[in-house]
Amino acid sequence: MSFEPFLKKVQAAPFEPYPLLTNGHLQTLVCSMVSRKRRLLPQHSEHRWFQVEPGLSVLAQCHWRYDKATTPCLLLLHGLVGSAESPYMIGTAEEALKAGFNVVRLNMRNCGEVEPKPTFYHAGLTSDPRQVISELIEKDGLQCLFLVGFSLGGNIFLKYAGEEGAGISPALKGVMAVSPSVYLPDCIELLEKRSNLIYHEHFVRSLKQAVRDRARHNPGWLDLAPLKSIRTLRQFDDVYTGPYSGFRDATDYYNQSSSRQFIPQIKVPTMILHAKDDPFVPYAPLECAEVRANPNVHLLATDKGGHVAFLARHRENGSRYWAEHRIMDFVRSRLEAGNHG
């Protein structure tokens, strides 16, 4: 499978970081705090629930600017403690609408403005997006769908594509994962380093608050006693995410949910974008045989860019968010390949 047309576009506009944001921490922190403008989204928005299990639905924001069946659609999935309202989700959706595509911003279960249910989302939970994808294709009649996952969402979409293998729907034309956490044990180890204290504490604090919210709405569902003593993400996953999601413990959860082991089975065109200076999702796990040996998967690595950031020196179409432009280039390149195929 050739990624040459897309790579030529990347070569014509290589990533150069914004001059004041030349390290991964600055890129990551600034981009996570800057709100994004909503120009097209409010005009073409549908608040929609997708049932993923009996009695359980996930919330999505669907933006149908063009005909559903014939227009390419991007399904976006956020990262840990994120939502459909995360800045990169808003920015990518705006770029997609500008580019002439439809877009669906999907929340993981219990994310977004929803009443907390007695359940956890996790890094390997592909059943929810599988149900959403099936409904979009079978009920809405989508003929051309692209998956775009960020961080944890990138891991989930890569795992999904590998699980589906050769049986993946012909309507699914490509996958793009930005800063994906493909090997969770290494991610946790890097997050626990002192240099990443600000991110680690943010994740732990947010997850603990989410547990309190769920317990308040679902009395007696879980034991809050261990919560006070939890100080690390690994401890949280050992007590809550792992056992309450069907895993023995955190180690079992990380091993089973990491997408790297599923990458060899991916049969759909897939692009992985990752910065080597990502502060808490390591690049090294991507330098492996699982990625290199699969002709359907290409790794696009940049020296700079941080985590789901990539704020560039130069503007393109009024925006400095380099990754979002490359997502659109990837979609266009696959569409062109399909037209010539």
C-alpha atoms as a PDB file:
ATOM      1  CA  MET A   1       0.000   0.000   0.000  1.00  0.00           C
ATOM      2  CA  SER A   2       1.419   3.355  -1.018  1.00  0.00           C
ATOM      3  CA  PHE A   3       1.358   6.371   1.260  1.00  0.00           C
ATOM      4  CA  GLU A   4       3.477   8.352  -1.187  1.00  0.00           C
ATOM      5  CA  PRO A   5       0.902  11.034  -2.152  1.00  0.00           C
ATOM      6  CA  PHE A   6       0.338  11.853   1.515  1.00  0.00           C
ATOM      7  CA  LEU A   7       4.050  11.849   2.344  1.00  0.00           C
ATOM      8  CA  LYS A   8       4.743  14.257  -0.500  1.00  0.00           C
ATOM      9  CA  LYS A   9       2.334  16.707   1.101  1.00  0.00           C
ATOM     10  CA  VAL A  10       4.106  16.292   4.437  1.00  0.00           C
ATOM     11  CA  GLN A  11       7.483  16.911   2.808  1.00  0.00           C
ATOM     12  CA  ALA A  12       6.111  20.103   1.283  1.00  0.00           C
ATOM     13  CA  ALA A  13       5.031  21.337   4.733  1.00  0.00           C
ATOM     14  CA  PRO A  14       7.256  19.716   7.402  1.00  0.00           C
ATOM     15  CA  PHE A  15       6.539  20.460  11.024  1.00  0.00           C
ATOM     16  CA  GLU A  16       8.393  23.436  12.469  1.00  0.00           C
ATOM     17  CA  PRO A  17       7.372  24.282  16.041  1.00  0.00           C
ATOM     18  CA  TYR A  18       6.181  27.715  17.005  1.00  0.00           C
ATOM     19  CA  PRO A  19       9.358  29.590  18.070  1.00  0.00           C
ATOM     20  CA  LEU A  20       8.293  30.073  21.700  1.00  0.00           C
ATOM     21  CA  LEU A  21       7.191  26.435  22.053  1.00  0.00           C
ATOM     22  CA  THR A  22      10.219  24.392  21.117  1.00  0.00           C
ATOM     23  CA  ASN A  23       9.962  21.622  23.703  1.00  0.00           C
ATOM     24  CA  GLY A  24       7.350  18.960  24.250  1.00  0.00           C
ATOM     25  CA  HIS A  25       6.107  20.255  27.597  1.00  0.00           C
ATOM     26  CA  LEU A  26       5.416  23.762  26.311  1.00  0.00           C
ATOM     27  CA  GLN A  27       3.679  22.457  23.203  1.00  0.00           C
ATOM     28  CA  THR A  28       1.515  20.098  25.249  1.00  0.00           C
ATOM     29  CA  LEU A  29       0.535  22.539  27.995  1.00  0.00           C
ATOM     30  CA  VAL A  30      -0.216  25.520  25.780  1.00  0.00           C
ATOM     31  CA  CYS A  31      -2.276  23.556  23.263  1.00  0.00           C
ATOM     32  CA  SER A  32      -4.290  21.897  26.024  1.00  0.00           C
ATOM     33  CA  MET A  33      -5.262  25.268  27.491  1.00  0.00           C
ATOM     34  CA  VAL A  34      -6.041  27.292  24.377  1.00  0.00           C
ATOM     35  CA  SER A  35      -9.735  27.247  23.466  1.00  0.00           C
ATOM     36  CA  ARG A  36     -10.652  26.796  19.815  1.00  0.00           C
ATOM     37  CA  LYS A  37     -13.035  28.870  17.733  1.00  0.00           C
ATOM     38  CA  ARG A  38     -16.351  27.350  16.665  1.00  0.00           C
ATOM     39  CA  ARG A  39     -17.283  28.850  13.360  1.00  0.00           C
ATOM     40  CA  LEU A  40     -19.045  26.034  11.519  1.00  0.00           C
ATOM     41  CA  LEU A  41     -19.862  23.582  14.312  1.00  0.00           C
ATOM     42  CA  PRO A  42     -22.891  25.439  15.792  1.00  0.00           C
ATOM     43  CA  GLN A  43     -24.527  25.635  12.354  1.00  0.00           C
ATOM     44  CA  HIS A  44     -24.396  21.920  11.641  1.00  0.00           C
ATOM     45  CA  SER A  45     -24.792  20.083  14.929  1.00  0.00           C
ATOM     46  CA  GLU A  46     -26.879  17.126  16.110  1.00  0.00           C
ATOM     47  CA  HIS A  47     -26.851  16.029  19.758  1.00  0.00           C
ATOM     48  CA  ARG A  48     -27.120  12.225  19.490  1.00  0.00           C
ATOM     49  CA  TRP A  49     -27.060   9.152  21.710  1.00  0.00           C
ATOM     50  CA  PHE A  50     -25.725   5.808  20.491  1.00  0.00           C
ATOM     51  CA  GLN A  51     -26.726   2.709  22.436  1.00  0.00           C
ATOM     52  CA  VAL A  52     -23.638   0.558  23.048  1.00  0.00           C
ATOM     53  CA  GLU A  53     -25.087  -1.863  25.606  1.00  0.00           C
ATOM     54  CA  PRO A  54     -28.590  -2.484  26.954  1.00  0.00           C
ATOM     55  CA  GLY A  55     -29.320   0.499  29.177  1.00  0.00           C
ATOM     56  CA  LEU A  56     -26.087   2.300  28.261  1.00  0.00           C
ATOM     57  CA  SER A  57     -25.556   4.950  25.599  1.00  0.00           C
ATOM     58  CA  VAL A  58     -22.701   7.259  24.669  1.00  0.00           C
ATOM     59  CA  LEU A  59     -23.117  10.854  23.600  1.00  0.00           C
ATOM     60  CA  ALA A  60     -21.846  12.198  20.294  1.00  0.00           C
ATOM     61  CA  GLN A  61     -21.972  15.518  18.509  1.00  0.00           C
ATOM     62  CA  CYS A  62     -22.726  14.879  14.849  1.00  0.00           C
ATOM     63  CA  HIS A  63     -22.102  17.544  12.245  1.00  0.00           C
ATOM     64  CA  TRP A  64     -23.838  16.807   8.957  1.00  0.00           C
ATOM     65  CA  ARG A  65     -22.981  19.707   6.710  1.00  0.00           C
ATOM     66  CA  TYR A  66     -23.309  17.601   3.598  1.00  0.00           C
ATOM     67  CA  ASP A  67     -25.185  14.484   2.432  1.00  0.00           C
ATOM     68  CA  LYS A  68     -24.558  11.623   4.880  1.00  0.00           C
ATOM     69  CA  ALA A  69     -24.289   8.729   2.463  1.00  0.00           C
ATOM     70  CA  THR A  70     -22.031  10.221  -0.173  1.00  0.00           C
ATOM     71  CA  THR A  71     -19.828  12.571   1.873  1.00  0.00           C
ATOM     72  CA  PRO A  72     -16.718  11.258   3.690  1.00  0.00           C
ATOM     73  CA  CYS A  73     -17.155  11.387   7.464  1.00  0.00           C
ATOM     74  CA  LEU A  74     -14.522  11.595  10.208  1.00  0.00           C
ATOM     75  CA  LEU A  75     -15.285   9.852  13.508  1.00  0.00           C
ATOM     76  CA  LEU A  76     -13.174  11.486  16.240  1.00  0.00           C
ATOM     77  CA  LEU A  77     -12.314   9.919  19.612  1.00  0.00           C
ATOM     78  CA  HIS A  78     -10.618  11.783  22.480  1.00  0.00           C
ATOM     79  CA  GLY A  79      -8.005  10.825  25.065  1.00  0.00           C
ATOM     80  CA  LEU A  80      -7.919  10.116  28.804  1.00  0.00           C
ATOM     81  CA  VAL A  81     -10.139  12.496  30.870  1.00  0.00           C
ATOM     82  CA  GLY A  82     -10.988  14.293  27.639  1.00  0.00           C
ATOM     83  CA  SER A  83     -14.313  14.621  25.827  1.00  0.00           C
ATOM     84  CA  ALA A  84     -15.905  15.726  22.594  1.00  0.00           C
ATOM     85  CA  GLU A  85     -15.239  19.277  23.832  1.00  0.00           C
ATOM     86  CA  SER A  86     -11.453  18.875  24.071  1.00  0.00           C
ATOM     87  CA  PRO A  87      -9.649  21.570  22.047  1.00  0.00           C
ATOM     88  CA  TYR A  88      -8.167  19.130  19.504  1.00  0.00           C
ATOM     89  CA  MET A  89     -11.619  17.610  18.945  1.00  0.00           C
ATOM     90  CA  ILE A  90     -13.112  21.046  18.247  1.00  0.00           C
ATOM     91  CA  GLY A  91     -10.200  22.097  16.022  1.00  0.00           C
ATOM     92  CA  THR A  92     -10.190  18.909  13.964  1.00  0.00           C
ATOM     93  CA  ALA A  93     -13.953  19.021  13.527  1.00  0.00           C
ATOM     94  CA  GLU A  94     -13.779  22.609  12.270  1.00  0.00           C
ATOM     95  CA  GLU A  95     -11.049  21.684   9.773  1.00  0.00           C
ATOM     96  CA  ALA A  96     -13.074  18.694   8.580  1.00  0.00           C
ATOM     97  CA  LEU A  97     -16.155  20.810   7.916  1.00  0.00           C
ATOM     98  CA  LYS A  98     -14.045  23.407   6.113  1.00  0.00           C
ATOM     99  CA  ALA A  99     -12.526  20.648   3.987  1.00  0.00           C
ATOM    100  CA  GLY A 100     -15.947  19.457   2.878  1.00  0.00           C
ATOM    101  CA  PHE A 101     -16.350  16.452   5.179  1.00  0.00           C
ATOM    102  CA  ASN A 102     -18.915  15.491   7.776  1.00  0.00           C
ATOM    103  CA  VAL A 103     -17.718  14.773  11.304  1.00  0.00           C
ATOM    104  CA  VAL A 104     -18.817  12.979  14.480  1.00  0.00           C
ATOM    105  CA  ARG A 105     -17.223  13.888  17.824  1.00  0.00           C
ATOM    106  CA  LEU A 106     -17.651  10.830  20.008  1.00  0.00           C
ATOM    107  CA  ASN A 107     -17.501  10.759  23.797  1.00  0.00           C
ATOM    108  CA  MET A 108     -16.287   7.655  25.563  1.00  0.00           C
ATOM    109  CA  ARG A 109     -18.778   6.268  28.074  1.00  0.00           C
ATOM    110  CA  ASN A 110     -19.342   8.568  31.059  1.00  0.00           C
ATOM    111  CA  CYS A 111     -17.553  11.428  29.293  1.00  0.00           C
ATOM    112  CA  GLY A 112     -19.150  14.683  28.273  1.00  0.00           C
ATOM    113  CA  GLU A 113     -22.186  16.217  29.935  1.00  0.00           C
ATOM    114  CA  VAL A 114     -23.879  12.958  30.909  1.00  0.00           C
ATOM    115  CA  GLU A 115     -25.291  11.472  34.088  1.00  0.00           C
ATOM    116  CA  PRO A 116     -22.567   9.148  35.424  1.00  0.00           C
ATOM    117  CA  LYS A 117     -23.361   5.451  34.976  1.00  0.00           C
ATOM    118  CA  PRO A 118     -21.953   2.510  36.986  1.00  0.00           C
ATOM    119  CA  THR A 119     -19.253   1.652  34.489  1.00  0.00           C
ATOM    120  CA  PHE A 120     -15.716   2.617  33.438  1.00  0.00           C
ATOM    121  CA  TYR A 121     -14.225   3.435  30.056  1.00  0.00           C
ATOM    122  CA  HIS A 122     -10.726   2.152  29.441  1.00  0.00           C
ATOM    123  CA  ALA A 123      -7.902   2.001  26.916  1.00  0.00           C
ATOM    124  CA  GLY A 124      -9.003  -1.274  25.358  1.00  0.00           C
ATOM    125  CA  LEU A 125     -12.747  -0.667  25.173  1.00  0.00           C
ATOM    126  CA  THR A 126     -13.394  -1.143  21.461  1.00  0.00           C
ATOM    127  CA  SER A 127     -16.955  -2.423  21.868  1.00  0.00           C
ATOM    128  CA  ASP A 128     -18.419   1.081  22.205  1.00  0.00           C
ATOM    129  CA  PRO A 129     -16.947   2.569  19.014  1.00  0.00           C
ATOM    130  CA  ARG A 130     -17.692  -0.736  17.241  1.00  0.00           C
ATOM    131  CA  GLN A 131     -21.398  -0.207  17.968  1.00  0.00           C
ATOM    132  CA  VAL A 132     -21.240   3.429  16.874  1.00  0.00           C
ATOM    133  CA  ILE A 133     -19.415   2.567  13.652  1.00  0.00           C
ATOM    134  CA  SER A 134     -21.936  -0.163  12.898  1.00  0.00           C
ATOM    135  CA  GLU A 135     -24.866   2.195  13.409  1.00  0.00           C
ATOM    136  CA  LEU A 136     -23.334   4.928  11.269  1.00  0.00           C
ATOM    137  CA  ILE A 137     -22.754   2.509   8.408  1.00  0.00           C
ATOM    138  CA  GLU A 138     -25.909   0.374   8.656  1.00  0.00           C
ATOM    139  CA  LYS A 139     -28.500   2.888   9.860  1.00  0.00           C
ATOM    140  CA  ASP A 140     -27.184   6.175   8.504  1.00  0.00           C
ATOM    141  CA  GLY A 141     -25.859   4.642   5.312  1.00  0.00           C
ATOM    142  CA  LEU A 142     -22.347   6.071   5.505  1.00  0.00           C
ATOM    143  CA  GLN A 143     -20.252   4.765   2.631  1.00  0.00           C
ATOM    144  CA  CYS A 144     -16.961   6.451   3.466  1.00  0.00           C
ATOM    145  CA  LEU A 145     -15.792   6.636   7.081  1.00  0.00           C
ATOM    146  CA  PHE A 146     -12.422   7.566   8.583  1.00  0.00           C
ATOM    147  CA  LEU A 147     -11.428   6.994  12.209  1.00  0.00           C
ATOM    148  CA  VAL A 148      -9.280   9.636  13.919  1.00  0.00           C
ATOM    149  CA  GLY A 149      -8.171   8.904  17.471  1.00  0.00           C
ATOM    150  CA  PHE A 150      -6.129  11.036  19.829  1.00  0.00           C
ATOM    151  CA  SER A 151      -3.906   9.629  22.594  1.00  0.00           C
ATOM    152  CA  LEU A 152      -6.009   6.946  24.366  1.00  0.00           C
ATOM    153  CA  GLY A 153      -8.571   7.243  21.567  1.00  0.00           C
ATOM    154  CA  GLY A 154      -5.788   6.516  19.086  1.00  0.00           C
ATOM    155  CA  ASN A 155      -4.920   3.335  20.971  1.00  0.00           C
ATOM    156  CA  ILE A 156      -8.571   2.277  20.910  1.00  0.00           C
ATOM    157  CA  PHE A 157      -8.975   2.823  17.166  1.00  0.00           C
ATOM    158  CA  LEU A 158      -5.727   0.988  16.371  1.00  0.00           C
ATOM    159  CA  LYS A 159      -6.826  -1.914  18.547  1.00  0.00           C
ATOM    160  CA  TYR A 160     -10.246  -1.908  16.862  1.00  0.00           C
ATOM    161  CA  ALA A 161      -8.723  -1.967  13.368  1.00  0.00           C
ATOM    162  CA  GLY A 162      -6.472  -4.868  14.356  1.00  0.00           C
ATOM    163  CA  GLU A 163      -9.337  -6.807  15.917  1.00  0.00           C
ATOM    164  CA  GLU A 164     -11.422  -6.391  12.771  1.00  0.00           C
ATOM    165  CA  GLY A 165      -8.536  -7.380  10.500  1.00  0.00           C
ATOM    166  CA  ALA A 166      -9.606  -8.462   7.022  1.00  0.00           C
ATOM    167  CA  GLY A 167     -13.242  -8.415   8.157  1.00  0.00           C
ATOM    168  CA  ILE A 168     -13.340  -4.652   8.556  1.00  0.00           C
ATOM    169  CA  SER A 169     -16.220  -2.915   6.789  1.00  0.00           C
ATOM    170  CA  PRO A 170     -15.431  -1.735   3.238  1.00  0.00           C
ATOM    171  CA  ALA A 171     -17.017   1.576   4.224  1.00  0.00           C
ATOM    172  CA  LEU A 172     -14.116   2.210   6.600  1.00  0.00           C
ATOM    173  CA  LYS A 173     -11.446   3.782   4.407  1.00  0.00           C
ATOM    174  CA  GLY A 174      -8.679   4.720   6.838  1.00  0.00           C
ATOM    175  CA  VAL A 175      -7.462   5.235  10.386  1.00  0.00           C
ATOM    176  CA  MET A 176      -5.291   8.007  11.786  1.00  0.00           C
ATOM    177  CA  ALA A 177      -3.925   7.916  15.322  1.00  0.00           C
ATOM    178  CA  VAL A 178      -2.333  11.047  16.799  1.00  0.00           C
ATOM    179  CA  SER A 179       0.025  10.538  19.771  1.00  0.00           C
ATOM    180  CA  PRO A 180      -1.432   7.078  20.488  1.00  0.00           C
ATOM    181  CA  SER A 181      -0.565   5.235  23.700  1.00  0.00           C
ATOM    182  CA  VAL A 182       0.160   1.930  21.936  1.00  0.00           C
ATOM    183  CA  TYR A 183       2.025   0.268  24.831  1.00  0.00           C
ATOM    184  CA  LEU A 184       0.477   1.182  28.161  1.00  0.00           C
ATOM    185  CA  PRO A 185       3.153  -0.229  30.523  1.00  0.00           C
ATOM    186  CA  ASP A 186       5.723   2.185  29.087  1.00  0.00           C
ATOM    187  CA  CYS A 187       3.248   5.074  29.182  1.00  0.00           C
ATOM    188  CA  ILE A 188       2.583   4.538  32.871  1.00  0.00           C
ATOM    189  CA  GLU A 189       6.293   4.287  33.635  1.00  0.00           C
ATOM    190  CA  LEU A 190       6.977   7.560  31.834  1.00  0.00           C
ATOM    191  CA  LEU A 191       4.001   9.321  33.439  1.00  0.00           C
ATOM    192  CA  GLU A 192       5.300   8.425  36.894  1.00  0.00           C
ATOM    193  CA  LYS A 193       8.565  10.289  36.344  1.00  0.00           C
ATOM    194  CA  ARG A 194       8.967  13.468  38.355  1.00  0.00           C
ATOM    195  CA  SER A 195       9.192  15.582  35.201  1.00  0.00           C
ATOM    196  CA  ASN A 196       5.611  14.581  34.378  1.00  0.00           C
ATOM    197  CA  LEU A 197       4.125  15.339  37.787  1.00  0.00           C
ATOM    198  CA  ILE A 198       1.772  18.008  36.434  1.00  0.00           C
ATOM    199  CA  TYR A 199       0.147  15.597  33.944  1.00  0.00           C
ATOM    200  CA  HIS A 200       0.114  12.669  36.337  1.00  0.00           C
ATOM    201  CA  GLU A 201      -1.605  14.613  39.107  1.00  0.00           C
ATOM    202  CA  HIS A 202      -4.145  16.002  36.645  1.00  0.00           C
ATOM    203  CA  PHE A 203      -5.109  12.520  35.455  1.00  0.00           C
ATOM    204  CA  VAL A 204      -5.308  11.050  38.963  1.00  0.00           C
ATOM    205  CA  ARG A 205      -7.285  13.983  40.343  1.00  0.00           C
ATOM    206  CA  SER A 206      -9.744  13.912  37.415  1.00  0.00           C
ATOM    207  CA  LEU A 207     -10.266  10.150  37.590  1.00  0.00           C
ATOM    208  CA  LYS A 208     -10.822  10.194  41.347  1.00  0.00           C
ATOM    209  CA  GLN A 209     -13.414  12.934  40.978  1.00  0.00           C
ATOM    210  CA  ALA A 210     -15.148  10.919  38.266  1.00  0.00           C
ATOM    211  CA  VAL A 211     -15.377   7.959  40.640  1.00  0.00           C
ATOM    212  CA  ARG A 212     -16.928  10.155  43.329  1.00  0.00           C
ATOM    213  CA  ASP A 213     -19.475  11.449  40.815  1.00  0.00           C
ATOM    214  CA  ARG A 214     -20.416   7.932  39.735  1.00  0.00           C
ATOM    215  CA  ALA A 215     -20.697   6.745  43.319  1.00  0.00           C
ATOM    216  CA  ARG A 216     -22.986   9.672  44.182  1.00  0.00           C
ATOM    217  CA  HIS A 217     -25.331   8.856  41.296  1.00  0.00           C
ATOM    218  CA  ASN A 218     -25.107   5.088  41.821  1.00  0.00           C
ATOM    219  CA  PRO A 219     -25.093   4.429  45.583  1.00  0.00           C
ATOM    220  CA  GLY A 220     -23.563   1.133  46.664  1.00  0.00           C
ATOM    221  CA  TRP A 221     -21.994   0.382  43.289  1.00  0.00           C
ATOM    222  CA  LEU A 222     -18.369   0.627  44.336  1.00  0.00           C
ATOM    223  CA  ASP A 223     -16.199   0.960  47.403  1.00  0.00           C
ATOM    224  CA  LEU A 224     -14.861   4.468  47.914  1.00  0.00           C
ATOM    225  CA  ALA A 225     -12.690   3.518  50.890  1.00  0.00           C
ATOM    226  CA  PRO A 226      -9.474   2.945  48.863  1.00  0.00           C
ATOM    227  CA  LEU A 227      -9.835   6.278  47.039  1.00  0.00           C
ATOM    228  CA  LYS A 228      -8.136   8.401  49.718  1.00  0.00           C
ATOM    229  CA  SER A 229      -4.931   6.369  49.610  1.00  0.00           C
ATOM    230  CA  ILE A 230      -4.612   6.372  45.813  1.00  0.00           C
ATOM    231  CA  ARG A 231      -1.752   8.583  44.665  1.00  0.00           C
ATOM    232  CA  THR A 232      -0.830   7.185  41.245  1.00  0.00           C
ATOM    233  CA  LEU A 233      -2.553   6.228  38.026  1.00  0.00           C
ATOM    234  CA  ARG A 234      -1.261   2.683  38.404  1.00  0.00           C
ATOM    235  CA  GLN A 235      -2.886   2.426  41.841  1.00  0.00           C
ATOM    236  CA  PHE A 236      -6.145   3.778  40.451  1.00  0.00           C
ATOM    237  CA  ASP A 237      -6.147   1.232  37.635  1.00  0.00           C
ATOM    238  CA  ASP A 238      -5.215  -1.538  40.064  1.00  0.00           C
ATOM    239  CA  VAL A 239      -8.185  -0.769  42.324  1.00  0.00           C
ATOM    240  CA  TYR A 240     -10.813   0.550  39.911  1.00  0.00           C
ATOM    241  CA  THR A 241     -10.266   0.526  36.139  1.00  0.00           C
ATOM    242  CA  GLY A 242      -8.825  -2.974  35.951  1.00  0.00           C
ATOM    243  CA  PRO A 243     -11.118  -4.979  38.284  1.00  0.00           C
ATOM    244  CA  TYR A 244     -14.294  -3.062  37.393  1.00  0.00           C
ATOM    245  CA  SER A 245     -13.593  -3.616  33.656  1.00  0.00           C
ATOM    246  CA  GLY A 246     -13.013  -7.355  33.848  1.00  0.00           C
ATOM    247  CA  PHE A 247      -9.238  -7.442  34.291  1.00  0.00           C
ATOM    248  CA  ARG A 248      -7.325  -9.015  37.178  1.00  0.00           C
ATOM    249  CA  ASP A 249      -5.374  -5.873  37.977  1.00  0.00           C
ATOM    250  CA  ALA A 250      -3.591  -2.922  36.366  1.00  0.00           C
ATOM    251  CA  THR A 251      -0.872  -5.095  34.811  1.00  0.00           C
ATOM    252  CA  ASP A 252      -3.420  -7.390  33.175  1.00  0.00           C
ATOM    253  CA  TYR A 253      -5.373  -4.344  31.986  1.00  0.00           C
ATOM    254  CA  TYR A 254      -2.323  -2.698  30.423  1.00  0.00           C
ATOM    255  CA  ASN A 255      -1.139  -5.886  28.722  1.00  0.00           C
ATOM    256  CA  GLN A 256      -4.487  -6.765  27.207  1.00  0.00           C
ATOM    257  CA  SER A 257      -5.452  -3.227  26.174  1.00  0.00           C
ATOM    258  CA  SER A 258      -2.254  -2.059  24.461  1.00  0.00           C
ATOM    259  CA  SER A 259      -2.842  -1.767  20.720  1.00  0.00           C
ATOM    260  CA  ARG A 260       0.718  -2.560  19.629  1.00  0.00           C
ATOM    261  CA  GLN A 261       0.023  -6.306  19.632  1.00  0.00           C
ATOM    262  CA  PHE A 262      -2.970  -5.776  17.312  1.00  0.00           C
ATOM    263  CA  ILE A 263      -1.175  -3.614  14.729  1.00  0.00           C
ATOM    264  CA  PRO A 264       0.101  -6.585  12.638  1.00  0.00           C
ATOM    265  CA  GLN A 265      -3.527  -7.524  11.848  1.00  0.00           C
ATOM    266  CA  ILE A 266      -4.537  -4.091  10.535  1.00  0.00           C
ATOM    267  CA  LYS A 267      -5.701  -4.292   6.913  1.00  0.00           C
ATOM    268  CA  VAL A 268      -7.000  -0.753   6.374  1.00  0.00           C
ATOM    269  CA  PRO A 269      -4.714   2.204   5.483  1.00  0.00           C
ATOM    270  CA  THR A 270      -3.466   3.563   8.805  1.00  0.00           C
ATOM    271  CA  MET A 271      -1.308   6.559   9.668  1.00  0.00           C
ATOM    272  CA  ILE A 272       0.286   7.038  13.089  1.00  0.00           C
ATOM    273  CA  LEU A 273       1.505  10.545  13.906  1.00  0.00           C
ATOM    274  CA  HIS A 274       3.781  10.887  16.914  1.00  0.00           C
ATOM    275  CA  ALA A 275       6.296  13.428  18.214  1.00  0.00           C
ATOM    276  CA  LYS A 276       9.564  12.122  19.604  1.00  0.00           C
ATOM    277  CA  ASP A 277       9.430  14.753  22.362  1.00  0.00           C
ATOM    278  CA  ASP A 278       5.972  13.697  23.577  1.00  0.00           C
ATOM    279  CA  PRO A 279       6.405  14.132  27.347  1.00  0.00           C
ATOM    280  CA  PHE A 280       4.300  11.224  28.586  1.00  0.00           C
ATOM    281  CA  VAL A 281       3.472   8.882  25.691  1.00  0.00           C
ATOM    282  CA  PRO A 282       6.832   7.431  24.610  1.00  0.00           C
ATOM    283  CA  TYR A 283       7.866   7.154  20.988  1.00  0.00           C
ATOM    284  CA  ALA A 284      10.087   4.072  21.481  1.00  0.00           C
ATOM    285  CA  PRO A 285       7.247   1.485  21.492  1.00  0.00           C
ATOM    286  CA  LEU A 286       6.429   2.526  17.927  1.00  0.00           C
ATOM    287  CA  GLU A 287       9.912   1.571  16.717  1.00  0.00           C
ATOM    288  CA  CYS A 288       8.986  -2.087  16.623  1.00  0.00           C
ATOM    289  CA  ALA A 289       8.482  -4.906  14.153  1.00  0.00           C
ATOM    290  CA  GLU A 290       4.715  -4.792  14.635  1.00  0.00           C
ATOM    291  CA  VAL A 291       4.603  -1.332  13.061  1.00  0.00           C
ATOM    292  CA  ARG A 292       7.448  -1.653  10.540  1.00  0.00           C
ATOM    293  CA  ALA A 293       6.334  -4.985   9.073  1.00  0.00           C
ATOM    294  CA  ASN A 294       2.748  -4.038   8.246  1.00  0.00           C
ATOM    295  CA  PRO A 295       2.532  -2.372   4.796  1.00  0.00           C
ATOM    296  CA  ASN A 296      -0.905  -1.000   5.703  1.00  0.00           C
ATOM    297  CA  VAL A 297       0.529   1.081   8.555  1.00  0.00           C
ATOM    298  CA  HIS A 298       2.855   4.066   8.286  1.00  0.00           C
ATOM    299  CA  LEU A 299       4.555   5.876  11.158  1.00  0.00           C
ATOM    300  CA  LEU A 300       5.020   9.617  10.677  1.00  0.00           C
ATOM    301  CA  ALA A 301       7.407  10.805  13.374  1.00  0.00           C
ATOM    302  CA  THR A 302       8.460  14.370  14.095  1.00  0.00           C
ATOM    303  CA  ASP A 303      11.274  15.496  16.377  1.00  0.00           C
ATOM    304  CA  LYS A 304       9.068  18.122  18.009  1.00  0.00           C
ATOM    305  CA  GLY A 305       5.361  18.527  18.644  1.00  0.00           C
ATOM    306  CA  GLY A 306       4.570  17.393  22.186  1.00  0.00           C
ATOM    307  CA  HIS A 307       1.440  15.408  22.985  1.00  0.00           C
ATOM    308  CA  VAL A 308      -1.530  16.035  20.668  1.00  0.00           C
ATOM    309  CA  ALA A 309      -0.174  19.519  20.089  1.00  0.00           C
ATOM    310  CA  PHE A 310       1.948  20.278  16.973  1.00  0.00           C
ATOM    311  CA  LEU A 311       1.549  24.054  17.102  1.00  0.00           C
ATOM    312  CA  ALA A 312       3.509  25.246  14.069  1.00  0.00           C
ATOM    313  CA  ARG A 313       5.632  28.257  13.167  1.00  0.00           C
ATOM    314  CA  HIS A 314       3.641  28.911   9.999  1.00  0.00           C
ATOM    315  CA  ARG A 315      -0.094  29.133   9.446  1.00  0.00           C
ATOM    316  CA  GLU A 316      -1.960  27.007   6.928  1.00  0.00           C
ATOM    317  CA  ASN A 317      -5.395  28.239   5.938  1.00  0.00           C
ATOM    318  CA  GLY A 318      -5.390  30.531   8.958  1.00  0.00           C
ATOM    319  CA  SER A 319      -4.390  27.858  11.505  1.00  0.00           C
ATOM    320  CA  ARG A 320      -1.103  26.798  13.131  1.00  0.00           C
ATOM    321  CA  TYR A 321      -2.362  23.334  14.155  1.00  0.00           C
ATOM    322  CA  TRP A 322      -0.169  21.212  11.921  1.00  0.00           C
ATOM    323  CA  ALA A 323      -1.583  17.791  12.890  1.00  0.00           C
ATOM    324  CA  GLU A 324      -5.104  18.821  11.982  1.00  0.00           C
ATOM    325  CA  HIS A 325      -3.989  19.791   8.483  1.00  0.00           C
ATOM    326  CA  ARG A 326      -2.157  16.473   8.101  1.00  0.00           C
ATOM    327  CA  ILE A 327      -5.317  14.607   9.115  1.00  0.00           C
ATOM    328  CA  MET A 328      -7.168  16.320   6.256  1.00  0.00           C
ATOM    329  CA  ASP A 329      -4.289  15.547   3.876  1.00  0.00           C
ATOM    330  CA  PHE A 330      -4.417  11.880   4.867  1.00  0.00           C
ATOM    331  CA  VAL A 331      -8.158  11.704   4.224  1.00  0.00           C
ATOM    332  CA  ARG A 332      -7.805  13.447   0.857  1.00  0.00           C
ATOM    333  CA  SER A 333      -4.945  11.157  -0.176  1.00  0.00           C
ATOM    334  CA  ARG A 334      -6.988   8.039   0.592  1.00  0.00           C
ATOM    335  CA  LEU A 335      -9.948   9.422  -1.307  1.00  0.00           C
ATOM    336  CA  GLU A 336      -7.729  10.138  -4.300  1.00  0.00           C
ATOM    337  CA  ALA A 337      -6.253   6.651  -4.101  1.00  0.00           C
ATOM    338  CA  GLY A 338      -9.758   5.206  -4.080  1.00  0.00           C
ATOM    339  CA  ASN A 339     -10.772   7.264  -7.101  1.00  0.00           C
ATOM    340  CA  HIS A 340      -7.747   6.027  -9.030  1.00  0.00           C
ATOM    341  CA  GLY A 341      -8.079   2.490  -7.733  1.00  0.00           C
END
